[in-house]
Amino acid sequence: MARRISDSDSRLGLRIKLRDLHILFSVVELGSMAKAASHLGITQPTISEAIADLEHAVGVRLLDRGPHGVVPTIYGDTFLKRGLEAFDALKQGMRDVEFLATPGTGEVWVGASEALLAGYVPAIIQRLAQRCPKVVVHAAEANASDFDFQKLRERKLDLMIGRIMNSQVDDDLSVEILFEEPHHVVVAAHNRWASRRKVTLAELINEHWIFSEQNNIVQTLVSGVFCANGLEVPPASVVSTSMSLHLQLLASGDYIGTLTNSILQYCADRWSLKILPLHLGIKSPVGIFTLKNRTLSPVVQLFVEDARFLAKSLTKES
């Protein structure tokens, strides 16, 4: 039986237009009515009229003009949050209809760290493409271990794949652990250390090390291993968070560094890298982050299924 449409629902549908909501989102994002007008290709009076109509509909002021441009009021912040949820629900509905009308099509928006984008995420994309060749995957760099969840909260991403560095997860997020992977000390296959059957950290102190920035969580764990073994952390020859740079320099044979199991699973042969027989004792869980109370589209659910499948092989390898 169809749900009866209440008088309040009817009034809401007549008073609030999706176009006006879209204009409000643009004004707040750009911080200016003039910039929003230019971005949307409409006149500034049209922008002003849309905002005025929304404020009349809800009965409060939604925007203030400040020294740094247009900013939402306390009412505007609340209205924007709910409006974004409503807009997203409609967008998700359209994606569901698209998938039903043309099975095997749709879009996935995923964020992950550069390290996971170097191996694990491409493997998921390739597996999904075998089942659904018409699916388009949008992959962006977003680091969960740095609590970089803004795009996920803004619903610009469907999900994020990242390292779970502590047990504290924000109340608005759901997380599913996929696998736990160790970190390894790595050199090029032609490096002089690659043929050694036994290696100690102390022997490697004077090598040319590649490290991440000191405030990087993984680098903190690696530094802790040296300290736990009574050693000073060796001076870095290269300091960078760029995984591409790490791989290039390691492959040259002149450097030594640490990489995670998932990178090595997919990149070790390509870059001719070798894991040294040295147990660091570091493992970090990798998981899928999503927004609570947000239903994933069918094609995103397929992406998640493939992520789980490949996680099983990584668990066996580790």
C-alpha atoms as a PDB file:
ATOM      1  CA  MET A   1       0.000   0.000   0.000  1.00  0.00           C
ATOM      2  CA  ALA A   2       1.434   3.374  -0.973  1.00  0.00           C
ATOM      3  CA  ARG A   3       2.298   5.749   1.848  1.00  0.00           C
ATOM      4  CA  ARG A   4      -0.179   8.547   2.237  1.00  0.00           C
ATOM      5  CA  ILE A   5       1.337  11.936   1.492  1.00  0.00           C
ATOM      6  CA  SER A   6       0.762  14.223   4.474  1.00  0.00           C
ATOM      7  CA  ASP A   7      -0.047  17.924   4.249  1.00  0.00           C
ATOM      8  CA  SER A   8       3.392  18.759   5.658  1.00  0.00           C
ATOM      9  CA  ASP A   9       5.056  16.635   2.942  1.00  0.00           C
ATOM     10  CA  SER A  10       3.077  18.464   0.268  1.00  0.00           C
ATOM     11  CA  ARG A  11       3.999  21.857   1.672  1.00  0.00           C
ATOM     12  CA  LEU A  12       7.660  20.851   1.837  1.00  0.00           C
ATOM     13  CA  GLY A  13       7.633  19.716  -1.776  1.00  0.00           C
ATOM     14  CA  LEU A  14       6.083  22.971  -2.915  1.00  0.00           C
ATOM     15  CA  ARG A  15       8.243  25.282  -0.810  1.00  0.00           C
ATOM     16  CA  ILE A  16      11.730  23.796  -1.281  1.00  0.00           C
ATOM     17  CA  LYS A  17      13.170  23.260  -4.757  1.00  0.00           C
ATOM     18  CA  LEU A  18      16.132  21.011  -5.506  1.00  0.00           C
ATOM     19  CA  ARG A  19      17.556  23.732  -7.748  1.00  0.00           C
ATOM     20  CA  ASP A  20      17.577  26.163  -4.834  1.00  0.00           C
ATOM     21  CA  LEU A  21      19.338  23.594  -2.641  1.00  0.00           C
ATOM     22  CA  HIS A  22      21.975  23.098  -5.318  1.00  0.00           C
ATOM     23  CA  ILE A  23      22.511  26.858  -5.471  1.00  0.00           C
ATOM     24  CA  LEU A  24      22.868  27.019  -1.678  1.00  0.00           C
ATOM     25  CA  PHE A  25      25.508  24.257  -1.726  1.00  0.00           C
ATOM     26  CA  SER A  26      27.491  26.139  -4.390  1.00  0.00           C
ATOM     27  CA  VAL A  27      27.347  29.466  -2.543  1.00  0.00           C
ATOM     28  CA  VAL A  28      28.637  27.908   0.678  1.00  0.00           C
ATOM     29  CA  GLU A  29      31.337  25.853  -1.072  1.00  0.00           C
ATOM     30  CA  LEU A  30      32.632  28.855  -3.047  1.00  0.00           C
ATOM     31  CA  GLY A  31      32.034  31.407  -0.273  1.00  0.00           C
ATOM     32  CA  SER A  32      30.511  33.964  -2.596  1.00  0.00           C
ATOM     33  CA  MET A  33      27.241  34.535  -4.456  1.00  0.00           C
ATOM     34  CA  ALA A  34      29.132  36.096  -7.359  1.00  0.00           C
ATOM     35  CA  LYS A  35      31.457  33.077  -7.646  1.00  0.00           C
ATOM     36  CA  ALA A  36      28.487  30.711  -7.413  1.00  0.00           C
ATOM     37  CA  ALA A  37      26.688  32.625 -10.173  1.00  0.00           C
ATOM     38  CA  SER A  38      29.739  32.385 -12.431  1.00  0.00           C
ATOM     39  CA  HIS A  39      30.249  28.704 -11.613  1.00  0.00           C
ATOM     40  CA  LEU A  40      26.608  27.785 -12.277  1.00  0.00           C
ATOM     41  CA  GLY A  41      26.248  30.052 -15.308  1.00  0.00           C
ATOM     42  CA  ILE A  42      23.348  32.069 -13.906  1.00  0.00           C
ATOM     43  CA  THR A  43      22.910  35.662 -12.765  1.00  0.00           C
ATOM     44  CA  GLN A  44      23.637  36.895  -9.251  1.00  0.00           C
ATOM     45  CA  PRO A  45      20.017  38.117  -8.789  1.00  0.00           C
ATOM     46  CA  THR A  46      18.909  34.526  -9.501  1.00  0.00           C
ATOM     47  CA  ILE A  47      21.263  33.329  -6.760  1.00  0.00           C
ATOM     48  CA  SER A  48      19.912  35.904  -4.310  1.00  0.00           C
ATOM     49  CA  GLU A  49      16.316  34.993  -5.146  1.00  0.00           C
ATOM     50  CA  ALA A  50      16.954  31.272  -4.614  1.00  0.00           C
ATOM     51  CA  ILE A  51      18.553  31.877  -1.203  1.00  0.00           C
ATOM     52  CA  ALA A  52      15.715  34.226  -0.218  1.00  0.00           C
ATOM     53  CA  ASP A  53      13.137  31.589  -1.217  1.00  0.00           C
ATOM     54  CA  LEU A  54      14.878  28.967   0.916  1.00  0.00           C
ATOM     55  CA  GLU A  55      15.120  31.303   3.911  1.00  0.00           C
ATOM     56  CA  HIS A  56      11.420  32.149   3.533  1.00  0.00           C
ATOM     57  CA  ALA A  57      10.568  28.433   3.346  1.00  0.00           C
ATOM     58  CA  VAL A  58      12.451  27.495   6.528  1.00  0.00           C
ATOM     59  CA  GLY A  59      11.717  30.749   8.351  1.00  0.00           C
ATOM     60  CA  VAL A  60      15.272  31.600   9.429  1.00  0.00           C
ATOM     61  CA  ARG A  61      18.381  33.249   8.004  1.00  0.00           C
ATOM     62  CA  LEU A  62      20.677  30.646   6.416  1.00  0.00           C
ATOM     63  CA  LEU A  63      23.642  32.779   5.318  1.00  0.00           C
ATOM     64  CA  ASP A  64      25.640  35.702   6.689  1.00  0.00           C
ATOM     65  CA  ARG A  65      28.079  37.959   4.875  1.00  0.00           C
ATOM     66  CA  GLY A  66      31.386  38.157   6.730  1.00  0.00           C
ATOM     67  CA  PRO A  67      34.863  39.559   6.117  1.00  0.00           C
ATOM     68  CA  HIS A  68      35.856  36.302   4.401  1.00  0.00           C
ATOM     69  CA  GLY A  69      32.745  36.009   2.233  1.00  0.00           C
ATOM     70  CA  VAL A  70      29.398  34.270   2.667  1.00  0.00           C
ATOM     71  CA  VAL A  71      29.205  31.801   5.552  1.00  0.00           C
ATOM     72  CA  PRO A  72      26.305  29.676   6.848  1.00  0.00           C
ATOM     73  CA  THR A  73      24.569  30.612  10.092  1.00  0.00           C
ATOM     74  CA  ILE A  74      23.992  28.001  12.794  1.00  0.00           C
ATOM     75  CA  TYR A  75      20.646  27.323  11.115  1.00  0.00           C
ATOM     76  CA  GLY A  76      22.361  27.176   7.747  1.00  0.00           C
ATOM     77  CA  ASP A  77      24.855  24.563   8.961  1.00  0.00           C
ATOM     78  CA  THR A  78      22.049  22.317  10.191  1.00  0.00           C
ATOM     79  CA  PHE A  79      19.980  22.804   7.051  1.00  0.00           C
ATOM     80  CA  LEU A  80      22.991  22.143   4.815  1.00  0.00           C
ATOM     81  CA  LYS A  81      23.741  18.856   6.558  1.00  0.00           C
ATOM     82  CA  ARG A  82      20.184  17.563   6.116  1.00  0.00           C
ATOM     83  CA  GLY A  83      19.922  19.012   2.626  1.00  0.00           C
ATOM     84  CA  LEU A  84      23.105  17.257   1.593  1.00  0.00           C
ATOM     85  CA  GLU A  85      21.734  13.971   2.930  1.00  0.00           C
ATOM     86  CA  ALA A  86      18.494  14.444   0.973  1.00  0.00           C
ATOM     87  CA  PHE A  87      20.353  15.358  -2.212  1.00  0.00           C
ATOM     88  CA  ASP A  88      22.628  12.363  -1.800  1.00  0.00           C
ATOM     89  CA  ALA A  89      19.683  10.009  -1.236  1.00  0.00           C
ATOM     90  CA  LEU A  90      18.134  11.151  -4.520  1.00  0.00           C
ATOM     91  CA  LYS A  91      21.465  10.750  -6.311  1.00  0.00           C
ATOM     92  CA  GLN A  92      21.833   7.246  -4.896  1.00  0.00           C
ATOM     93  CA  GLY A  93      18.302   6.468  -6.041  1.00  0.00           C
ATOM     94  CA  MET A  94      19.177   7.504  -9.588  1.00  0.00           C
ATOM     95  CA  ARG A  95      22.282   5.303  -9.461  1.00  0.00           C
ATOM     96  CA  ASP A  96      20.160   2.348  -8.309  1.00  0.00           C
ATOM     97  CA  VAL A  97      17.700   2.899 -11.162  1.00  0.00           C
ATOM     98  CA  GLU A  98      20.572   3.145 -13.655  1.00  0.00           C
ATOM     99  CA  PHE A  99      21.999  -0.154 -12.438  1.00  0.00           C
ATOM    100  CA  LEU A 100      18.612  -1.881 -12.675  1.00  0.00           C
ATOM    101  CA  ALA A 101      17.921  -0.471 -16.127  1.00  0.00           C
ATOM    102  CA  THR A 102      21.369  -1.385 -17.478  1.00  0.00           C
ATOM    103  CA  PRO A 103      22.969  -4.113 -15.317  1.00  0.00           C
ATOM    104  CA  GLY A 104      26.731  -3.907 -14.966  1.00  0.00           C
ATOM    105  CA  THR A 105      26.929  -0.138 -15.303  1.00  0.00           C
ATOM    106  CA  GLY A 106      27.426   2.675 -12.816  1.00  0.00           C
ATOM    107  CA  GLU A 107      30.127   4.591 -10.989  1.00  0.00           C
ATOM    108  CA  VAL A 108      32.235   3.991  -7.893  1.00  0.00           C
ATOM    109  CA  TRP A 109      33.994   6.802  -6.061  1.00  0.00           C
ATOM    110  CA  VAL A 110      36.776   5.473  -3.833  1.00  0.00           C
ATOM    111  CA  GLY A 111      39.493   7.165  -1.787  1.00  0.00           C
ATOM    112  CA  ALA A 112      42.684   5.516  -0.562  1.00  0.00           C
ATOM    113  CA  SER A 113      46.252   6.280   0.419  1.00  0.00           C
ATOM    114  CA  GLU A 114      48.929   6.372  -2.260  1.00  0.00           C
ATOM    115  CA  ALA A 115      50.344   3.120  -0.890  1.00  0.00           C
ATOM    116  CA  LEU A 116      47.045   1.286  -1.403  1.00  0.00           C
ATOM    117  CA  LEU A 117      46.505   2.967  -4.770  1.00  0.00           C
ATOM    118  CA  ALA A 118      49.855   1.472  -5.838  1.00  0.00           C
ATOM    119  CA  GLY A 119      48.677  -2.139  -5.712  1.00  0.00           C
ATOM    120  CA  TYR A 120      45.612  -3.280  -3.801  1.00  0.00           C
ATOM    121  CA  VAL A 121      43.054  -0.808  -5.192  1.00  0.00           C
ATOM    122  CA  PRO A 122      44.098  -1.352  -8.850  1.00  0.00           C
ATOM    123  CA  ALA A 123      43.678  -5.094  -8.277  1.00  0.00           C
ATOM    124  CA  ILE A 124      40.112  -4.508  -7.036  1.00  0.00           C
ATOM    125  CA  ILE A 125      39.361  -2.311 -10.052  1.00  0.00           C
ATOM    126  CA  GLN A 126      40.670  -4.955 -12.453  1.00  0.00           C
ATOM    127  CA  ARG A 127      38.606  -7.699 -10.831  1.00  0.00           C
ATOM    128  CA  LEU A 128      35.451  -5.553 -10.911  1.00  0.00           C
ATOM    129  CA  ALA A 129      36.080  -4.707 -14.585  1.00  0.00           C
ATOM    130  CA  GLN A 130      36.062  -8.413 -15.449  1.00  0.00           C
ATOM    131  CA  ARG A 131      32.533  -8.705 -14.075  1.00  0.00           C
ATOM    132  CA  CYS A 132      31.241  -5.250 -15.020  1.00  0.00           C
ATOM    133  CA  PRO A 133      33.312  -3.794 -17.883  1.00  0.00           C
ATOM    134  CA  LYS A 134      31.086  -0.715 -18.190  1.00  0.00           C
ATOM    135  CA  VAL A 135      31.572   0.439 -14.604  1.00  0.00           C
ATOM    136  CA  VAL A 136      33.574   3.642 -14.160  1.00  0.00           C
ATOM    137  CA  VAL A 137      35.773   3.870 -11.042  1.00  0.00           C
ATOM    138  CA  HIS A 138      36.883   7.277  -9.772  1.00  0.00           C
ATOM    139  CA  ALA A 139      39.895   6.822  -7.486  1.00  0.00           C
ATOM    140  CA  ALA A 140      41.290   9.691  -5.406  1.00  0.00           C
ATOM    141  CA  GLU A 141      44.030   9.982  -2.814  1.00  0.00           C
ATOM    142  CA  ALA A 142      42.556  10.243   0.686  1.00  0.00           C
ATOM    143  CA  ASN A 143      44.489   9.045   3.709  1.00  0.00           C
ATOM    144  CA  ALA A 144      42.420   7.417   6.451  1.00  0.00           C
ATOM    145  CA  SER A 145      45.415   7.165   8.782  1.00  0.00           C
ATOM    146  CA  ASP A 146      45.589  10.979   8.706  1.00  0.00           C
ATOM    147  CA  PHE A 147      41.833  11.141   9.448  1.00  0.00           C
ATOM    148  CA  ASP A 148      41.235  12.689   6.022  1.00  0.00           C
ATOM    149  CA  PHE A 149      37.499  11.901   5.835  1.00  0.00           C
ATOM    150  CA  GLN A 150      36.211  15.239   4.530  1.00  0.00           C
ATOM    151  CA  LYS A 151      35.350  14.001   1.028  1.00  0.00           C
ATOM    152  CA  LEU A 152      33.632  10.945   2.463  1.00  0.00           C
ATOM    153  CA  ARG A 153      31.541  13.123   4.767  1.00  0.00           C
ATOM    154  CA  GLU A 154      30.715  15.449   1.888  1.00  0.00           C
ATOM    155  CA  ARG A 155      29.519  12.364  -0.024  1.00  0.00           C
ATOM    156  CA  LYS A 156      32.041  12.965  -2.768  1.00  0.00           C
ATOM    157  CA  LEU A 157      33.332   9.443  -2.087  1.00  0.00           C
ATOM    158  CA  ASP A 158      31.308   6.250  -1.658  1.00  0.00           C
ATOM    159  CA  LEU A 159      33.957   4.639   0.516  1.00  0.00           C
ATOM    160  CA  MET A 160      37.553   4.864   1.624  1.00  0.00           C
ATOM    161  CA  ILE A 161      40.104   2.098   1.990  1.00  0.00           C
ATOM    162  CA  GLY A 162      42.814   2.826   4.503  1.00  0.00           C
ATOM    163  CA  ARG A 163      44.854   1.903   7.518  1.00  0.00           C
ATOM    164  CA  ILE A 164      43.134   1.801  10.886  1.00  0.00           C
ATOM    165  CA  MET A 165      45.774   3.191  13.198  1.00  0.00           C
ATOM    166  CA  ASN A 166      43.753   3.048  16.421  1.00  0.00           C
ATOM    167  CA  SER A 167      40.493   1.640  17.774  1.00  0.00           C
ATOM    168  CA  GLN A 168      38.829   5.057  17.859  1.00  0.00           C
ATOM    169  CA  VAL A 169      36.417   5.559  14.956  1.00  0.00           C
ATOM    170  CA  ASP A 170      34.196   8.615  14.716  1.00  0.00           C
ATOM    171  CA  ASP A 171      30.517   8.032  15.457  1.00  0.00           C
ATOM    172  CA  ASP A 172      29.393   8.878  11.923  1.00  0.00           C
ATOM    173  CA  LEU A 173      31.681   6.284  10.312  1.00  0.00           C
ATOM    174  CA  SER A 174      31.491   2.533   9.888  1.00  0.00           C
ATOM    175  CA  VAL A 175      34.644   0.500   9.401  1.00  0.00           C
ATOM    176  CA  GLU A 176      35.119  -3.089   8.268  1.00  0.00           C
ATOM    177  CA  ILE A 177      38.568  -4.617   8.741  1.00  0.00           C
ATOM    178  CA  LEU A 178      39.701  -6.344   5.546  1.00  0.00           C
ATOM    179  CA  PHE A 179      43.120  -7.662   6.546  1.00  0.00           C
ATOM    180  CA  GLU A 180      46.151  -7.024   8.713  1.00  0.00           C
ATOM    181  CA  GLU A 181      49.426  -6.712   6.907  1.00  0.00           C
ATOM    182  CA  PRO A 182      53.028  -6.652   8.053  1.00  0.00           C
ATOM    183  CA  HIS A 183      55.697  -4.124   7.110  1.00  0.00           C
ATOM    184  CA  HIS A 184      58.951  -5.382   5.594  1.00  0.00           C
ATOM    185  CA  VAL A 185      62.459  -4.064   5.069  1.00  0.00           C
ATOM    186  CA  VAL A 186      63.001  -4.009   1.307  1.00  0.00           C
ATOM    187  CA  VAL A 187      65.854  -3.589  -1.173  1.00  0.00           C
ATOM    188  CA  ALA A 188      66.306  -4.104  -4.909  1.00  0.00           C
ATOM    189  CA  ALA A 189      66.892  -7.678  -6.025  1.00  0.00           C
ATOM    190  CA  HIS A 190      70.424  -6.716  -7.150  1.00  0.00           C
ATOM    191  CA  ASN A 191      71.279  -4.924  -3.885  1.00  0.00           C
ATOM    192  CA  ARG A 192      74.199  -6.493  -1.970  1.00  0.00           C
ATOM    193  CA  TRP A 193      71.918  -7.302   0.977  1.00  0.00           C
ATOM    194  CA  ALA A 194      69.348  -9.182  -1.117  1.00  0.00           C
ATOM    195  CA  SER A 195      71.314 -12.452  -1.108  1.00  0.00           C
ATOM    196  CA  ARG A 196      71.853 -12.514   2.653  1.00  0.00           C
ATOM    197  CA  ARG A 197      70.026 -15.276   4.554  1.00  0.00           C
ATOM    198  CA  LYS A 198      70.204 -13.409   7.829  1.00  0.00           C
ATOM    199  CA  VAL A 199      70.254  -9.668   8.471  1.00  0.00           C
ATOM    200  CA  THR A 200      70.009  -7.527  11.592  1.00  0.00           C
ATOM    201  CA  LEU A 201      68.870  -3.921  11.913  1.00  0.00           C
ATOM    202  CA  ALA A 202      72.226  -3.004  13.429  1.00  0.00           C
ATOM    203  CA  GLU A 203      73.973  -4.057  10.208  1.00  0.00           C
ATOM    204  CA  LEU A 204      71.772  -1.736   8.168  1.00  0.00           C
ATOM    205  CA  ILE A 205      72.267   1.438  10.189  1.00  0.00           C
ATOM    206  CA  ASN A 206      74.743   2.983   7.771  1.00  0.00           C
ATOM    207  CA  GLU A 207      72.754   2.246   4.602  1.00  0.00           C
ATOM    208  CA  HIS A 208      70.929   4.900   2.573  1.00  0.00           C
ATOM    209  CA  TRP A 209      67.456   4.798   4.112  1.00  0.00           C
ATOM    210  CA  ILE A 210      64.225   6.171   2.641  1.00  0.00           C
ATOM    211  CA  PHE A 211      61.793   7.299   5.318  1.00  0.00           C
ATOM    212  CA  SER A 212      58.424   9.005   5.432  1.00  0.00           C
ATOM    213  CA  GLU A 213      57.925  12.280   7.263  1.00  0.00           C
ATOM    214  CA  GLN A 214      58.456  12.069  11.028  1.00  0.00           C
ATOM    215  CA  ASN A 215      54.803  12.857  11.771  1.00  0.00           C
ATOM    216  CA  ASN A 216      53.689   9.934   9.572  1.00  0.00           C
ATOM    217  CA  ILE A 217      52.080   7.216  11.702  1.00  0.00           C
ATOM    218  CA  VAL A 218      53.806   4.343   9.904  1.00  0.00           C
ATOM    219  CA  GLN A 219      57.160   6.086  10.226  1.00  0.00           C
ATOM    220  CA  THR A 220      56.528   6.416  13.969  1.00  0.00           C
ATOM    221  CA  LEU A 221      56.037   2.636  14.156  1.00  0.00           C
ATOM    222  CA  VAL A 222      59.219   1.973  12.175  1.00  0.00           C
ATOM    223  CA  SER A 223      61.220   4.339  14.370  1.00  0.00           C
ATOM    224  CA  GLY A 224      59.845   2.510  17.392  1.00  0.00           C
ATOM    225  CA  VAL A 225      61.321  -0.778  16.137  1.00  0.00           C
ATOM    226  CA  PHE A 226      64.834   0.696  16.093  1.00  0.00           C
ATOM    227  CA  CYS A 227      64.378   2.086  19.594  1.00  0.00           C
ATOM    228  CA  ALA A 228      63.015  -1.245  20.853  1.00  0.00           C
ATOM    229  CA  ASN A 229      66.218  -2.891  19.599  1.00  0.00           C
ATOM    230  CA  GLY A 230      68.376  -0.364  21.416  1.00  0.00           C
ATOM    231  CA  LEU A 231      69.362   1.420  18.224  1.00  0.00           C
ATOM    232  CA  GLU A 232      69.290   5.021  17.089  1.00  0.00           C
ATOM    233  CA  VAL A 233      67.049   5.647  14.119  1.00  0.00           C
ATOM    234  CA  PRO A 234      69.441   5.890  11.148  1.00  0.00           C
ATOM    235  CA  PRO A 235      69.692   9.268   9.429  1.00  0.00           C
ATOM    236  CA  ALA A 236      67.453   9.433   6.376  1.00  0.00           C
ATOM    237  CA  SER A 237      68.966   9.890   2.938  1.00  0.00           C
ATOM    238  CA  VAL A 238      65.524  10.628   1.483  1.00  0.00           C
ATOM    239  CA  VAL A 239      62.393  11.790   3.287  1.00  0.00           C
ATOM    240  CA  SER A 240      59.152  11.599   1.299  1.00  0.00           C
ATOM    241  CA  THR A 241      55.566  10.360   1.522  1.00  0.00           C
ATOM    242  CA  SER A 242      55.520   9.685  -2.239  1.00  0.00           C
ATOM    243  CA  MET A 243      55.172   5.962  -2.865  1.00  0.00           C
ATOM    244  CA  SER A 244      56.233   6.444  -6.486  1.00  0.00           C
ATOM    245  CA  LEU A 245      59.501   7.981  -5.316  1.00  0.00           C
ATOM    246  CA  HIS A 246      60.059   5.183  -2.777  1.00  0.00           C
ATOM    247  CA  LEU A 247      59.610   2.512  -5.461  1.00  0.00           C
ATOM    248  CA  GLN A 248      61.832   4.267  -7.996  1.00  0.00           C
ATOM    249  CA  LEU A 249      64.692   4.730  -5.541  1.00  0.00           C
ATOM    250  CA  LEU A 250      64.426   1.244  -4.060  1.00  0.00           C
ATOM    251  CA  ALA A 251      64.526  -0.267  -7.547  1.00  0.00           C
ATOM    252  CA  SER A 252      67.769   1.608  -8.253  1.00  0.00           C
ATOM    253  CA  GLY A 253      69.571  -0.612  -5.755  1.00  0.00           C
ATOM    254  CA  ASP A 254      71.125   2.275  -3.853  1.00  0.00           C
ATOM    255  CA  TYR A 255      68.520   2.569  -1.097  1.00  0.00           C
ATOM    256  CA  ILE A 256      66.768   0.596   1.600  1.00  0.00           C
ATOM    257  CA  GLY A 257      63.293   1.190   3.027  1.00  0.00           C
ATOM    258  CA  THR A 258      60.134  -0.354   4.414  1.00  0.00           C
ATOM    259  CA  LEU A 259      57.019  -1.316   2.457  1.00  0.00           C
ATOM    260  CA  THR A 260      53.767  -3.022   3.349  1.00  0.00           C
ATOM    261  CA  ASN A 261      52.770  -6.501   2.273  1.00  0.00           C
ATOM    262  CA  SER A 262      50.009  -5.332  -0.102  1.00  0.00           C
ATOM    263  CA  ILE A 263      52.422  -3.162  -2.101  1.00  0.00           C
ATOM    264  CA  LEU A 264      54.901  -6.005  -2.381  1.00  0.00           C
ATOM    265  CA  GLN A 265      52.180  -8.483  -3.364  1.00  0.00           C
ATOM    266  CA  TYR A 266      51.399  -6.455  -6.476  1.00  0.00           C
ATOM    267  CA  CYS A 267      54.605  -4.485  -7.119  1.00  0.00           C
ATOM    268  CA  ALA A 268      57.620  -6.549  -5.990  1.00  0.00           C
ATOM    269  CA  ASP A 269      58.117  -8.363  -9.307  1.00  0.00           C
ATOM    270  CA  ARG A 270      57.424  -5.261 -11.390  1.00  0.00           C
ATOM    271  CA  TRP A 271      60.058  -3.270  -9.514  1.00  0.00           C
ATOM    272  CA  SER A 272      62.429  -6.231  -8.834  1.00  0.00           C
ATOM    273  CA  LEU A 273      62.285  -5.822  -5.061  1.00  0.00           C
ATOM    274  CA  LYS A 274      63.352  -8.290  -2.387  1.00  0.00           C
ATOM    275  CA  ILE A 275      62.164  -8.604   1.229  1.00  0.00           C
ATOM    276  CA  LEU A 276      65.063  -8.929   3.651  1.00  0.00           C
ATOM    277  CA  PRO A 277      64.891 -11.766   6.241  1.00  0.00           C
ATOM    278  CA  LEU A 278      64.200  -9.343   9.062  1.00  0.00           C
ATOM    279  CA  HIS A 279      61.090  -9.413  11.236  1.00  0.00           C
ATOM    280  CA  LEU A 280      59.950  -5.921  12.239  1.00  0.00           C
ATOM    281  CA  GLY A 281      56.928  -7.086  14.210  1.00  0.00           C
ATOM    282  CA  ILE A 282      54.720  -4.318  12.786  1.00  0.00           C
ATOM    283  CA  LYS A 283      51.236  -5.075  11.494  1.00  0.00           C
ATOM    284  CA  SER A 284      48.590  -2.533  10.550  1.00  0.00           C
ATOM    285  CA  PRO A 285      44.933  -3.320   9.840  1.00  0.00           C
ATOM    286  CA  VAL A 286      43.413  -2.134   6.570  1.00  0.00           C
ATOM    287  CA  GLY A 287      39.697  -1.527   6.325  1.00  0.00           C
ATOM    288  CA  ILE A 288      36.793  -0.037   4.399  1.00  0.00           C
ATOM    289  CA  PHE A 289      35.351   3.201   5.773  1.00  0.00           C
ATOM    290  CA  THR A 290      31.790   4.235   4.930  1.00  0.00           C
ATOM    291  CA  LEU A 291      29.259   6.690   6.315  1.00  0.00           C
ATOM    292  CA  LYS A 292      26.721   5.238   8.704  1.00  0.00           C
ATOM    293  CA  ASN A 293      23.101   5.231   7.536  1.00  0.00           C
ATOM    294  CA  ARG A 294      24.148   5.705   3.910  1.00  0.00           C
ATOM    295  CA  THR A 295      23.010   2.905   1.623  1.00  0.00           C
ATOM    296  CA  LEU A 296      25.635   1.900  -0.917  1.00  0.00           C
ATOM    297  CA  SER A 297      24.577   1.545  -4.535  1.00  0.00           C
ATOM    298  CA  PRO A 298      24.592  -1.971  -6.065  1.00  0.00           C
ATOM    299  CA  VAL A 299      27.765  -1.354  -8.056  1.00  0.00           C
ATOM    300  CA  VAL A 300      29.592  -0.034  -4.969  1.00  0.00           C
ATOM    301  CA  GLN A 301      28.543  -3.185  -3.135  1.00  0.00           C
ATOM    302  CA  LEU A 302      30.128  -5.221  -5.942  1.00  0.00           C
ATOM    303  CA  PHE A 303      33.342  -3.219  -5.475  1.00  0.00           C
ATOM    304  CA  VAL A 304      33.268  -4.051  -1.751  1.00  0.00           C
ATOM    305  CA  GLU A 305      32.754  -7.753  -2.522  1.00  0.00           C
ATOM    306  CA  ASP A 306      35.861  -7.768  -4.715  1.00  0.00           C
ATOM    307  CA  ALA A 307      37.833  -5.929  -2.024  1.00  0.00           C
ATOM    308  CA  ARG A 308      36.887  -8.667   0.462  1.00  0.00           C
ATOM    309  CA  PHE A 309      37.810 -11.432  -1.977  1.00  0.00           C
ATOM    310  CA  LEU A 310      41.287 -10.038  -2.639  1.00  0.00           C
ATOM    311  CA  ALA A 311      41.802  -9.346   1.067  1.00  0.00           C
ATOM    312  CA  LYS A 312      41.665 -13.107   1.684  1.00  0.00           C
ATOM    313  CA  SER A 313      44.676 -13.720  -0.574  1.00  0.00           C
ATOM    314  CA  LEU A 314      46.611 -10.922   1.151  1.00  0.00           C
ATOM    315  CA  THR A 315      45.850 -12.483   4.530  1.00  0.00           C
ATOM    316  CA  LYS A 316      47.274 -15.805   3.333  1.00  0.00           C
ATOM    317  CA  GLU A 317      50.399 -14.116   1.959  1.00  0.00           C
ATOM    318  CA  SER A 318      51.090 -12.268   5.213  1.00  0.00           C
END
